[in-house]
Structure formats: structure tokens, C-alpha cells
Amino acid sequence: ADNRRGWARAWGTLQRQASLLAARGVAWDLLYLGRHRLACDSAAEGEALVVPGFSSCAHAYALSRRGMRRLLELPLQSAAMPVDELLPALYAPHPRADVAAWAREALRGTDPFAAFAAR
């Protein structure tokens, strides 16, 4: 029962945050629902969201349709790394030189992922 309540809460948070972004006409790729913040966040649309700094330990996250499409277009076969290394490399400077170099190459010619996080 506790697990179901947790997922219901996460689903409700996702729906609220995605609706907030849609109402403001903001395109997004990645939305963290829970994470450990390792770098400062920046202000974002409204009071409920931030633009995440480098983060790890993703408790839960969602990809928009656009974000999923963009992720699938990346050369993931050369990205054998944990998701907690991969996700932040798609939207923020990564402290590991090898991961940062992979992300620069993988995202060449495109913008970083539009990432947001629930406060």
C-alpha cells in the first residue's frame, strides 16, 4: 500500500509539473521528480520548478516525447555509463572529463536537453 501511495504522489507531481510547463508553452525533455542536488539550481518557470544543476541519485524522472526521441537519437552504444552520469551530462556541464567529452560530441549541433526539477 505504501508503494502505491508513493507512485500516486509521483504521478500527481509529474502531471502538475508537465501541465505547468505546457500552460506556459515551455518545451521540456527531462523532468526530475526526485534527485540529489550536487550543484546549484537556477530559477525556472513558476515557483514549483527549477532548472537543475548537476544532480545524481535520480529517484524518479520523466522524459517528454521529444526528450525520448532525442535520447534515442544519441549514440548510446558508446555511452556505457550509469543513468546518474548520463542524464546530467545531457543538460549541464559534467565534472568527469570523459563523460563531458562524450556529451559534447553526442549533442553536437543540438541544444542541451531542456531539464527541469520539482522543488
Foldseek 3Di string as FASTA:
>chain_A
DVVVVVVVVLVVLVVVVVVQCVVVVHDFFKEQADWAAPDDWAPDRDDFKTQGEQTFDRPDMDGDPVNVVLVVQFPCVPVPDDPSLQVNCQAYQHPDPVSVVSSCVRQPPHHRGHYMYTD
